[in-house]
Amino acid sequence: MAVEIQAPYDALVREDSVHRRLYTDPEIFRDEMARIFGRTWVFVAHESEVPEPGDFKTDTLAGRPIIISRDADGQVHLLYNACRHRGAMVCVLPKGNASFFRCPYHAWTYKPDGKLALVPSQYALGPDFDLSDHPLVPVARVESYQGFIFASLAPEGPSLREHLGRATHYIDLFVERAPNGVVRATKPLKYEYPGNWKLQMDNMADNYHAEFTHASAFTIRPDALVPRTNGFTSNGSYEDQTDRNYPTGKTFGPGIGCAFYHGGRQIVSDPDRYPDYLAALAKAHGEERARELAGLHFHLMIYPNLILHPLYSHYRVIRPISVDHTEINVYPCALEGAPDALNEALIKAAALHVSAGGQVQVDDLEAFARVQEGLKTEAFDWLLFKMGGEETDNEYGERETKVLSEMIPRGFYREWRRLMAQP
């Protein structure tokens, strides 16, 4: 039976399926910006994107324009990009370095920390006008973990550490791959697609599509930077079911998931290729641990908009534009203390794998577009997320499975339902 648009949001998500309106309805998209992106912790930037005093970048948060800036004392601020006089954006550049932000309308001028520094003809505003009463408005809550900055428009709620929970372990692993314990974001790769923002998050948790969608990429492999995929034979087809090495799927916290792969896709752990890197890691962690860190491969998906991928040392940020238009920013990360040759190889590998002109992600973008177009049909309403098998709770409080499963996206949609069902 079809679900009417006016139905409560908790009726649009079942345990093993979701209603197609989640991807196609502009009204649902509008409410997602308010109830999901405007309520929970949302990733906004890595501290290395604004490394120096005066550095800034502009973006949107739940559809609101914001500025991420670093002041003269080195503190990072998240400010609404709207002048306190008439509301004009005070900065339209995507990034840069500035000692102030000046509104182009009436030249009200703000410092990088948001304080109002100058108002032309201030006398006309009367003797009771005080500059300190009209700063750029800060976002309600801002916290960071390992350099990853998150913001919440909600003035109250769980702390970032409480929200991330077990995800901090995987963020730590991502950062520990750098011999000096610091990762640095480089220039982003951008792509967009004519589809809903949830398709990218669903895709990162999907180990069902690769042998079909990416058959050509996993068969040709003209560059040694593209590693062999678990379970694939030399001709790009899957081996027998009994030989498959599926990643361990893990879910925990508010819609957070991790697909943890076990060996077979290592591009930096071969001592013959990057002995200096392994030596630097071994100095920090010991040789056995160094080899484990160098070969780490997992997809960490922090709902609703952040994906960490250590194999190619990058993170992806999902930026919803409209119900059927999404932008993705991919930030390759240099590993501080690693040799330049390794960092260059990782950046090239990310570009080859996840850029719109690469060999793998381009397949997904075509799939996303076809999904969005196909969902215009009204012949059926429910999209299936039924795959799975035995699930267990491990000692770390994670729900996990070792079989081909859609357990992780089911967790995404439980969190979607929880947030959207609240007033």
Protein backbone atom coordinates (compact mmCIF):
# COMPACT_ATOMS: atom_id res chain seq x y z
CA MET A 1 0.00 0.00 0.00
CA ALA A 2 1.38 3.42 -0.92
CA VAL A 3 2.36 5.79 1.86
CA GLU A 4 0.96 9.28 1.47
CA ILE A 5 3.31 12.25 1.67
CA GLN A 6 1.57 13.43 4.84
CA ALA A 7 2.36 10.19 6.67
CA PRO A 8 4.58 10.39 9.77
CA TYR A 9 8.24 10.04 8.91
CA ASP A 10 8.64 6.95 11.06
CA ALA A 11 6.25 5.18 8.66
CA LEU A 12 8.65 5.74 5.74
CA VAL A 13 11.41 3.52 7.13
CA ARG A 14 10.95 -0.17 7.82
CA GLU A 15 13.59 -2.49 9.25
CA ASP A 16 14.42 -3.92 5.81
CA SER A 17 13.24 -1.22 3.36
CA VAL A 18 12.76 2.52 2.91
CA HIS A 19 10.19 4.48 0.96
CA ARG A 20 11.36 5.95 -2.33
CA ARG A 21 10.15 9.41 -1.26
CA LEU A 22 13.24 9.65 0.96
CA TYR A 23 15.19 10.23 -2.27
CA THR A 24 12.69 12.17 -4.37
CA ASP A 25 10.48 14.39 -2.22
CA PRO A 26 11.60 18.07 -2.00
CA GLU A 27 9.60 18.55 1.20
CA ILE A 28 11.41 15.66 2.85
CA PHE A 29 14.74 17.14 1.72
CA ARG A 30 13.78 20.48 3.28
CA ASP A 31 12.94 18.79 6.56
CA GLU A 32 16.20 16.78 6.44
CA MET A 33 18.14 20.04 6.42
CA ALA A 34 16.27 21.15 9.53
CA ARG A 35 15.90 17.89 11.45
CA ILE A 36 19.13 16.08 10.51
CA PHE A 37 21.73 18.60 9.33
CA GLY A 38 20.22 21.25 11.56
CA ARG A 39 20.17 19.08 14.68
CA THR A 40 22.89 16.45 14.93
CA TRP A 41 26.69 16.82 14.81
CA VAL A 42 27.75 17.55 11.21
CA PHE A 43 31.32 17.53 9.91
CA VAL A 44 32.41 20.94 8.56
CA ALA A 45 36.20 20.97 8.04
CA HIS A 46 39.57 19.64 9.09
CA GLU A 47 41.74 22.04 11.04
CA SER A 48 44.47 21.74 8.42
CA GLU A 49 42.16 23.39 5.89
CA VAL A 50 42.68 26.67 7.76
CA PRO A 51 46.23 26.19 9.09
CA GLU A 52 47.40 29.80 9.54
CA PRO A 53 45.96 32.86 11.34
CA GLY A 54 43.63 34.64 8.97
CA ASP A 55 42.92 31.51 6.91
CA PHE A 56 39.26 30.89 6.12
CA LYS A 57 36.91 28.80 4.03
CA THR A 58 33.23 29.29 3.34
CA ASP A 59 30.61 26.57 3.18
CA THR A 60 27.03 25.83 4.13
CA LEU A 61 25.64 24.03 7.16
CA ALA A 62 22.04 22.83 6.93
CA GLY A 63 21.64 25.26 4.02
CA ARG A 64 22.96 28.22 6.02
CA PRO A 65 26.10 30.03 4.76
CA ILE A 66 29.02 29.81 7.21
CA ILE A 67 32.63 30.88 7.52
CA ILE A 68 35.30 28.70 9.13
CA SER A 69 38.15 31.01 10.14
CA ARG A 70 41.28 31.00 12.29
CA ASP A 71 41.92 34.14 14.34
CA ALA A 72 45.21 35.81 15.26
CA ASP A 73 45.51 33.63 18.38
CA GLY A 74 45.11 30.43 16.37
CA GLN A 75 41.57 29.63 17.48
CA VAL A 76 39.12 28.28 14.90
CA HIS A 77 35.66 29.86 14.68
CA LEU A 78 32.45 28.89 12.89
CA LEU A 79 30.39 31.94 12.06
CA TYR A 80 27.20 32.52 10.12
CA ASN A 81 28.14 34.31 6.91
CA ALA A 82 25.62 37.13 7.28
CA CYS A 83 26.17 40.77 8.20
CA ARG A 84 24.35 41.92 11.32
CA HIS A 85 23.13 45.06 9.54
CA ARG A 86 21.03 43.84 6.59
CA GLY A 87 22.07 40.20 6.36
CA ALA A 88 24.33 40.26 3.30
CA MET A 89 27.05 37.62 3.05
CA VAL A 90 30.34 39.18 4.13
CA CYS A 91 32.52 36.70 2.22
CA VAL A 92 31.88 34.90 -1.05
CA LEU A 93 35.35 33.48 -1.74
CA PRO A 94 35.61 29.71 -1.20
CA LYS A 95 38.86 30.07 0.78
CA GLY A 96 41.75 32.42 1.41
CA ASN A 97 43.50 34.50 4.04
CA ALA A 98 42.14 37.79 5.34
CA SER A 99 42.61 40.09 8.30
CA PHE A 100 38.93 41.08 8.17
CA PHE A 101 35.61 40.41 6.42
CA ARG A 102 33.94 43.49 4.96
CA CYS A 103 30.30 43.50 3.94
CA PRO A 104 30.04 44.85 0.37
CA TYR A 105 26.70 46.52 1.07
CA HIS A 106 27.51 49.07 3.80
CA ALA A 107 31.11 48.11 4.68
CA TRP A 108 30.48 46.78 8.15
CA THR A 109 33.80 45.10 8.92
CA TYR A 110 34.43 42.03 11.07
CA LYS A 111 37.55 40.35 12.45
CA PRO A 112 38.26 36.65 11.81
CA ASP A 113 36.86 35.86 15.26
CA GLY A 114 33.57 37.52 14.26
CA LYS A 115 33.90 40.68 16.32
CA LEU A 116 32.54 43.81 14.67
CA ALA A 117 35.53 46.13 14.19
CA LEU A 118 34.25 49.03 12.09
CA VAL A 119 30.95 50.64 11.07
CA PRO A 120 31.05 53.63 8.72
CA SER A 121 29.12 56.65 10.01
CA GLN A 122 28.62 54.91 13.31
CA TYR A 123 27.41 58.17 14.88
CA ALA A 124 24.17 57.90 12.86
CA LEU A 125 23.24 54.75 14.78
CA GLY A 126 22.91 56.70 18.00
CA PRO A 127 24.94 56.98 21.21
CA ASP A 128 23.75 53.62 22.55
CA PHE A 129 25.11 51.62 19.59
CA ASP A 130 27.92 49.31 20.72
CA LEU A 131 30.10 47.37 18.27
CA SER A 132 30.39 44.47 20.72
CA ASP A 133 26.62 43.89 20.53
CA HIS A 134 26.70 43.00 16.83
CA PRO A 135 29.33 40.38 16.01
CA LEU A 136 28.90 37.73 13.35
CA VAL A 137 26.75 35.12 15.04
CA PRO A 138 28.66 31.94 15.97
CA VAL A 139 27.27 28.48 15.28
CA ALA A 140 25.72 27.12 18.48
CA ARG A 141 28.23 24.32 19.19
CA VAL A 142 31.63 23.53 17.70
CA GLU A 143 33.98 20.74 18.78
CA SER A 144 36.84 18.86 17.14
CA TYR A 145 38.44 15.45 17.45
CA GLN A 146 41.88 14.68 16.00
CA GLY A 147 41.58 17.84 13.90
CA PHE A 148 38.14 16.92 12.49
CA ILE A 149 35.77 19.80 13.23
CA PHE A 150 32.07 19.15 13.78
CA ALA A 151 29.27 21.60 14.43
CA SER A 152 25.72 21.39 15.68
CA LEU A 153 23.05 24.03 15.31
CA ALA A 154 21.33 22.61 18.38
CA PRO A 155 22.35 24.58 21.50
CA GLU A 156 22.06 21.48 23.68
CA GLY A 157 22.70 17.78 23.25
CA PRO A 158 25.37 15.10 23.60
CA SER A 159 28.99 16.21 23.35
CA LEU A 160 30.93 15.33 20.22
CA ARG A 161 32.86 12.59 22.04
CA GLU A 162 29.59 11.11 23.30
CA HIS A 163 28.15 11.29 19.79
CA LEU A 164 31.15 9.67 18.09
CA GLY A 165 31.63 6.95 20.71
CA ARG A 166 33.45 3.98 19.19
CA ALA A 167 34.09 5.97 15.98
CA THR A 168 36.96 7.71 17.79
CA HIS A 169 38.89 4.43 17.65
CA TYR A 170 38.75 4.38 13.85
CA ILE A 171 39.55 8.08 13.56
CA ASP A 172 42.59 7.39 15.74
CA LEU A 173 43.65 4.60 13.36
CA PHE A 174 43.27 6.95 10.39
CA VAL A 175 45.55 9.49 12.06
CA GLU A 176 48.05 6.99 13.50
CA ARG A 177 49.05 5.99 9.98
CA ALA A 178 51.00 9.26 9.94
CA PRO A 179 54.39 8.68 11.62
CA ASN A 180 54.13 12.07 13.36
CA GLY A 181 50.50 11.47 14.34
CA VAL A 182 49.16 14.30 12.16
CA VAL A 183 47.28 14.24 8.87
CA ARG A 184 47.07 17.29 6.62
CA ALA A 185 44.25 17.84 4.12
CA THR A 186 45.39 18.75 0.62
CA LYS A 187 43.50 20.42 -2.22
CA PRO A 188 40.08 18.77 -2.59
CA LEU A 189 38.79 16.80 -5.54
CA LYS A 190 35.20 17.72 -6.29
CA TYR A 191 32.46 15.88 -8.09
CA GLU A 192 28.71 16.12 -8.19
CA TYR A 193 25.86 13.99 -9.39
CA PRO A 194 22.15 14.41 -10.17
CA GLY A 195 20.96 12.37 -7.24
CA ASN A 196 20.06 12.39 -3.57
CA TRP A 197 22.75 12.86 -0.91
CA LYS A 198 21.97 9.55 0.81
CA LEU A 199 23.09 7.56 -2.25
CA GLN A 200 26.78 8.25 -1.57
CA MET A 201 26.57 7.09 2.05
CA ASP A 202 24.60 3.99 1.03
CA ASN A 203 27.20 3.20 -1.61
CA MET A 204 30.17 3.25 0.77
CA ALA A 205 28.49 0.57 2.87
CA ASP A 206 27.60 -1.54 -0.17
CA ASN A 207 29.91 -4.50 -0.88
CA TYR A 208 27.36 -6.02 -3.24
CA HIS A 209 27.82 -3.72 -6.24
CA ALA A 210 31.58 -3.76 -6.84
CA GLU A 211 31.90 -6.89 -8.99
CA PHE A 212 29.24 -5.53 -11.35
CA THR A 213 29.59 -1.75 -11.26
CA HIS A 214 33.40 -1.70 -11.22
CA ALA A 215 34.14 -4.78 -13.31
CA SER A 216 36.11 -2.82 -15.92
CA ALA A 217 38.22 -0.96 -13.35
CA PHE A 218 39.12 -4.12 -11.46
CA THR A 219 39.96 -5.95 -14.69
CA ILE A 220 42.12 -3.46 -16.57
CA ARG A 221 44.25 -2.05 -13.71
CA PRO A 222 46.76 -0.12 -15.83
CA ASP A 223 48.35 1.49 -12.79
CA ALA A 224 50.04 -0.27 -9.90
CA LEU A 225 48.45 2.21 -7.51
CA VAL A 226 45.11 0.43 -7.97
CA PRO A 227 45.34 -2.57 -5.64
CA ARG A 228 43.77 -5.96 -6.11
CA THR A 229 40.35 -6.25 -4.52
CA ASN A 230 39.53 -8.97 -2.02
CA GLY A 231 37.72 -11.83 -3.68
CA PHE A 232 38.32 -10.76 -7.28
CA THR A 233 40.08 -13.01 -9.76
CA SER A 234 42.40 -11.68 -12.42
CA ASN A 235 39.56 -11.37 -14.92
CA GLY A 236 37.44 -9.25 -12.59
CA SER A 237 34.92 -11.89 -11.56
CA TYR A 238 34.29 -13.13 -8.05
CA GLU A 239 35.68 -16.43 -6.86
CA ASP A 240 33.52 -19.09 -5.24
CA GLN A 241 31.39 -18.06 -2.27
CA THR A 242 33.55 -20.10 0.09
CA ASP A 243 36.65 -18.13 -0.93
CA ARG A 244 35.16 -14.69 -0.52
CA ASN A 245 36.65 -12.45 2.12
CA TYR A 246 33.88 -10.01 2.92
CA PRO A 247 34.68 -7.07 5.15
CA THR A 248 33.43 -7.17 8.71
CA GLY A 249 30.45 -4.84 8.87
CA LYS A 250 30.13 -2.88 12.11
CA THR A 251 27.45 -0.52 13.38
CA PHE A 252 27.51 1.58 16.51
CA GLY A 253 26.31 4.90 17.82
CA PRO A 254 23.86 7.19 16.00
CA GLY A 255 23.93 5.81 12.47
CA ILE A 256 27.70 5.28 12.37
CA GLY A 257 29.07 2.32 10.44
CA CYS A 258 32.39 0.77 9.48
CA ALA A 259 33.23 -1.78 6.77
CA PHE A 260 36.54 -3.27 7.93
CA TYR A 261 38.52 -5.14 5.26
CA HIS A 262 41.01 -7.86 6.06
CA GLY A 263 44.20 -7.75 3.99
CA GLY A 264 44.66 -7.94 0.25
CA ARG A 265 44.39 -4.24 -0.63
CA GLN A 266 47.63 -2.76 0.64
CA ILE A 267 49.47 -0.10 -1.34
CA VAL A 268 51.87 1.25 1.28
CA SER A 269 52.85 -1.73 3.43
CA ASP A 270 55.38 -3.31 1.06
CA PRO A 271 58.82 -2.57 2.57
CA ASP A 272 60.40 -2.80 -0.88
CA ARG A 273 58.30 0.14 -2.06
CA TYR A 274 58.32 2.50 0.94
CA PRO A 275 60.90 1.27 3.48
CA ASP A 276 61.38 4.78 4.88
CA TYR A 277 57.70 5.04 5.70
CA LEU A 278 57.60 1.71 7.50
CA ALA A 279 60.78 2.60 9.36
CA ALA A 280 59.22 5.87 10.55
CA LEU A 281 56.02 4.07 11.60
CA ALA A 282 58.03 1.36 13.38
CA LYS A 283 59.92 4.01 15.32
CA ALA A 284 56.62 5.35 16.62
CA HIS A 285 54.67 2.11 17.07
CA GLY A 286 56.97 -0.92 16.68
CA GLU A 287 57.41 -3.01 13.54
CA GLU A 288 54.38 -5.27 13.90
CA ARG A 289 52.02 -2.41 14.62
CA ALA A 290 53.60 -0.39 11.79
CA ARG A 291 52.69 -3.07 9.26
CA GLU A 292 49.14 -3.23 10.57
CA LEU A 293 48.69 0.54 10.31
CA ALA A 294 50.25 0.75 6.86
CA GLY A 295 47.85 -1.84 5.47
CA LEU A 296 44.64 -0.59 7.10
CA HIS A 297 41.60 -0.63 4.88
CA PHE A 298 38.17 0.38 6.12
CA HIS A 299 35.29 2.67 5.23
CA LEU A 300 34.17 4.69 8.25
CA MET A 301 30.83 6.39 7.68
CA ILE A 302 29.90 9.05 10.25
CA TYR A 303 26.29 9.96 9.62
CA PRO A 304 25.19 12.12 7.94
CA ASN A 305 28.06 13.52 5.85
CA LEU A 306 31.60 12.23 6.56
CA ILE A 307 33.45 9.22 5.13
CA LEU A 308 37.02 8.22 6.08
CA HIS A 309 39.01 5.94 3.77
CA PRO A 310 42.56 5.21 5.01
CA LEU A 311 43.57 2.97 2.11
CA TYR A 312 43.73 6.01 -0.16
CA SER A 313 44.24 8.37 2.80
CA HIS A 314 41.31 10.67 2.18
CA TYR A 315 38.03 11.81 3.63
CA ARG A 316 34.86 12.68 1.74
CA VAL A 317 32.32 15.31 2.69
CA ILE A 318 28.74 15.00 1.44
CA ARG A 319 27.18 18.36 0.58
CA PRO A 320 23.44 18.19 -0.22
CA ILE A 321 22.36 20.86 -2.71
CA SER A 322 18.79 19.78 -3.44
CA VAL A 323 16.74 16.62 -3.34
CA ASP A 324 18.35 15.45 -6.61
CA HIS A 325 21.68 17.29 -6.64
CA THR A 326 24.68 16.45 -4.45
CA GLU A 327 28.26 17.71 -4.30
CA ILE A 328 31.09 15.63 -2.84
CA ASN A 329 34.42 17.07 -1.72
CA VAL A 330 37.24 14.54 -1.47
CA TYR A 331 40.27 15.63 0.59
CA PRO A 332 43.41 13.52 0.08
CA CYS A 333 45.42 13.62 3.30
CA ALA A 334 49.21 13.82 3.51
CA LEU A 335 50.71 11.80 6.37
CA GLU A 336 53.07 14.00 8.36
CA GLY A 337 56.44 12.34 8.81
CA ALA A 338 55.99 10.09 5.76
CA PRO A 339 58.29 10.41 2.73
CA ASP A 340 57.12 12.73 -0.05
CA ALA A 341 57.03 9.83 -2.51
CA LEU A 342 54.43 8.04 -0.40
CA ASN A 343 52.23 11.09 0.04
CA GLU A 344 52.37 11.78 -3.69
CA ALA A 345 51.40 8.16 -4.38
CA LEU A 346 48.45 8.37 -2.00
CA ILE A 347 47.17 11.58 -3.61
CA LYS A 348 47.48 10.04 -7.07
CA ALA A 349 45.72 6.89 -5.87
CA ALA A 350 42.84 8.94 -4.46
CA ALA A 351 42.53 10.83 -7.75
CA LEU A 352 42.61 7.61 -9.74
CA HIS A 353 40.05 5.94 -7.50
CA VAL A 354 37.58 8.58 -6.32
CA SER A 355 37.69 11.54 -8.68
CA ALA A 356 35.05 12.10 -11.35
CA GLY A 357 37.74 11.47 -13.98
CA GLY A 358 39.11 8.35 -12.31
CA GLN A 359 38.44 4.68 -12.85
CA VAL A 360 36.09 3.71 -10.02
CA GLN A 361 33.97 6.52 -8.62
CA VAL A 362 32.78 7.49 -12.08
CA ASP A 363 30.93 4.15 -12.22
CA ASP A 364 29.14 4.97 -8.98
CA LEU A 365 28.13 8.41 -10.25
CA GLU A 366 26.46 6.81 -13.25
CA ALA A 367 24.67 4.39 -10.92
CA PHE A 368 23.47 7.25 -8.69
CA ALA A 369 22.06 9.12 -11.69
CA ARG A 370 20.25 6.02 -12.90
CA VAL A 371 18.79 5.39 -9.44
CA GLN A 372 17.48 8.95 -9.22
CA GLU A 373 15.95 8.71 -12.68
CA GLY A 374 14.47 5.28 -12.01
CA LEU A 375 12.82 6.45 -8.80
CA LYS A 376 10.55 8.74 -10.80
CA THR A 377 8.38 5.68 -11.33
CA GLU A 378 5.35 5.21 -9.11
CA ALA A 379 5.06 1.52 -9.93
CA PHE A 380 6.47 0.55 -6.53
CA ASP A 381 7.31 2.37 -3.32
CA TRP A 382 9.76 0.35 -1.23
CA LEU A 383 13.54 -0.03 -1.76
CA LEU A 384 15.08 -3.12 -0.21
CA PHE A 385 17.86 -3.31 2.37
CA LYS A 386 17.28 -6.95 3.30
CA MET A 387 20.71 -8.55 2.86
CA GLY A 388 22.39 -10.02 5.88
CA GLY A 389 23.03 -12.99 8.07
CA GLU A 390 24.20 -13.63 11.58
CA GLU A 391 24.91 -10.49 13.62
CA THR A 392 26.70 -10.47 16.96
CA ASP A 393 27.71 -7.91 19.58
CA ASN A 394 31.46 -7.76 20.15
CA GLU A 395 33.39 -6.69 23.24
CA TYR A 396 33.55 -3.07 22.09
CA GLY A 397 29.81 -2.59 21.88
CA GLU A 398 29.76 -2.91 18.09
CA ARG A 399 27.11 -4.87 16.23
CA GLU A 400 28.99 -6.81 13.56
CA THR A 401 28.59 -9.32 10.76
CA LYS A 402 31.07 -11.09 8.51
CA VAL A 403 28.74 -11.91 5.61
CA LEU A 404 27.41 -9.91 2.68
CA SER A 405 25.00 -7.62 4.47
CA GLU A 406 23.11 -4.34 4.37
CA MET A 407 23.29 -4.01 8.14
CA ILE A 408 25.19 -0.70 7.97
CA PRO A 409 22.68 1.23 5.81
CA ARG A 410 19.87 -0.16 7.92
CA GLY A 411 21.59 1.66 10.78
CA PHE A 412 21.69 4.86 8.71
CA TYR A 413 17.94 4.74 8.22
CA ARG A 414 17.18 3.97 11.83
CA GLU A 415 19.00 7.19 12.66
CA TRP A 416 17.16 8.99 9.84
CA ARG A 417 13.86 7.84 11.31
CA ARG A 418 14.87 8.81 14.85
CA LEU A 419 15.88 12.34 13.87
CA MET A 420 13.09 12.98 11.38
CA ALA A 421 10.34 11.69 13.68
CA GLN A 422 11.20 14.27 16.32
CA PRO A 423 9.42 17.63 16.16
